[in-house]
Amino acid sequence: MILRPYLSRDTDGIIALIDDIYREYGFQICLENAESDLLDIPRYFPHDSFMVLADEENSIRGTVALAKDAARPHVCWLKRLYLDKTLRGGTHARDLMKWSYDKARTWNMDRMELWSDTEFARAHTFYEAEGFQRDGRVRDMDDGHIPYSEYFFFKELS
C-alpha cells in the first residue's frame, strides 16, 4: 500500500470506494449534491491536500483530505476519511490520520474538526480513540438521496 496525492485518474476509484462504503449502510453516493466535490477534487482541495491509499494494482483502498476553514485561520476540516472494509482494524486508518496531523502542522493549524454520519459508529469509536471529542451538535442534512444526520467532532492539535 502507498499513500500518495490524488491524481486525476483516481476519481472513478475514489467514487467507487465511497459508494461501496455507503452501500454497507444502505446509502448511495450522491454526486449531484453531497459528494459533488468528488467530481472536481482539485477545485475543493488544494494540491497535496487529498490523499489516496493505493494497492499494488493502483486500486484506491482509502482516502483522506484536509480543508482549511476560510473564516478561522488555525482550523482545518478532516474530510473524506474512508477505508476499504477489508483494511479496517489494522494500521491503515491510523496512517491516514497521521498524514492529516502532519499536514495540519505544516499549515500551522491548532484545531481539526469534522462531521460524521450518525450511522458510522465504528468511525466514531476510532475518532474518539484518536482524541476527538463531540460537543453534542447534530445536524440534519438533506443533500443526499435520503435525509441523514451528522455528529460534530473536534480535536485541539496544540
Foldseek 3Di string as FASTA:
>chain_A
DDKDWDDPVCLVLLQVQVQVVQVVVPFGDDCVFPVVCSVPVCVQAPTPQKIFDADPVRRTFWIWGKAADPVDQQEIEIDRTGGHPVPPPDCPSVVRVVVVLVVSVVSNHFKYKYKAWPVPVVVVVVVVVVPKDFPPDKDWDDRGPHITIITMIMHGND
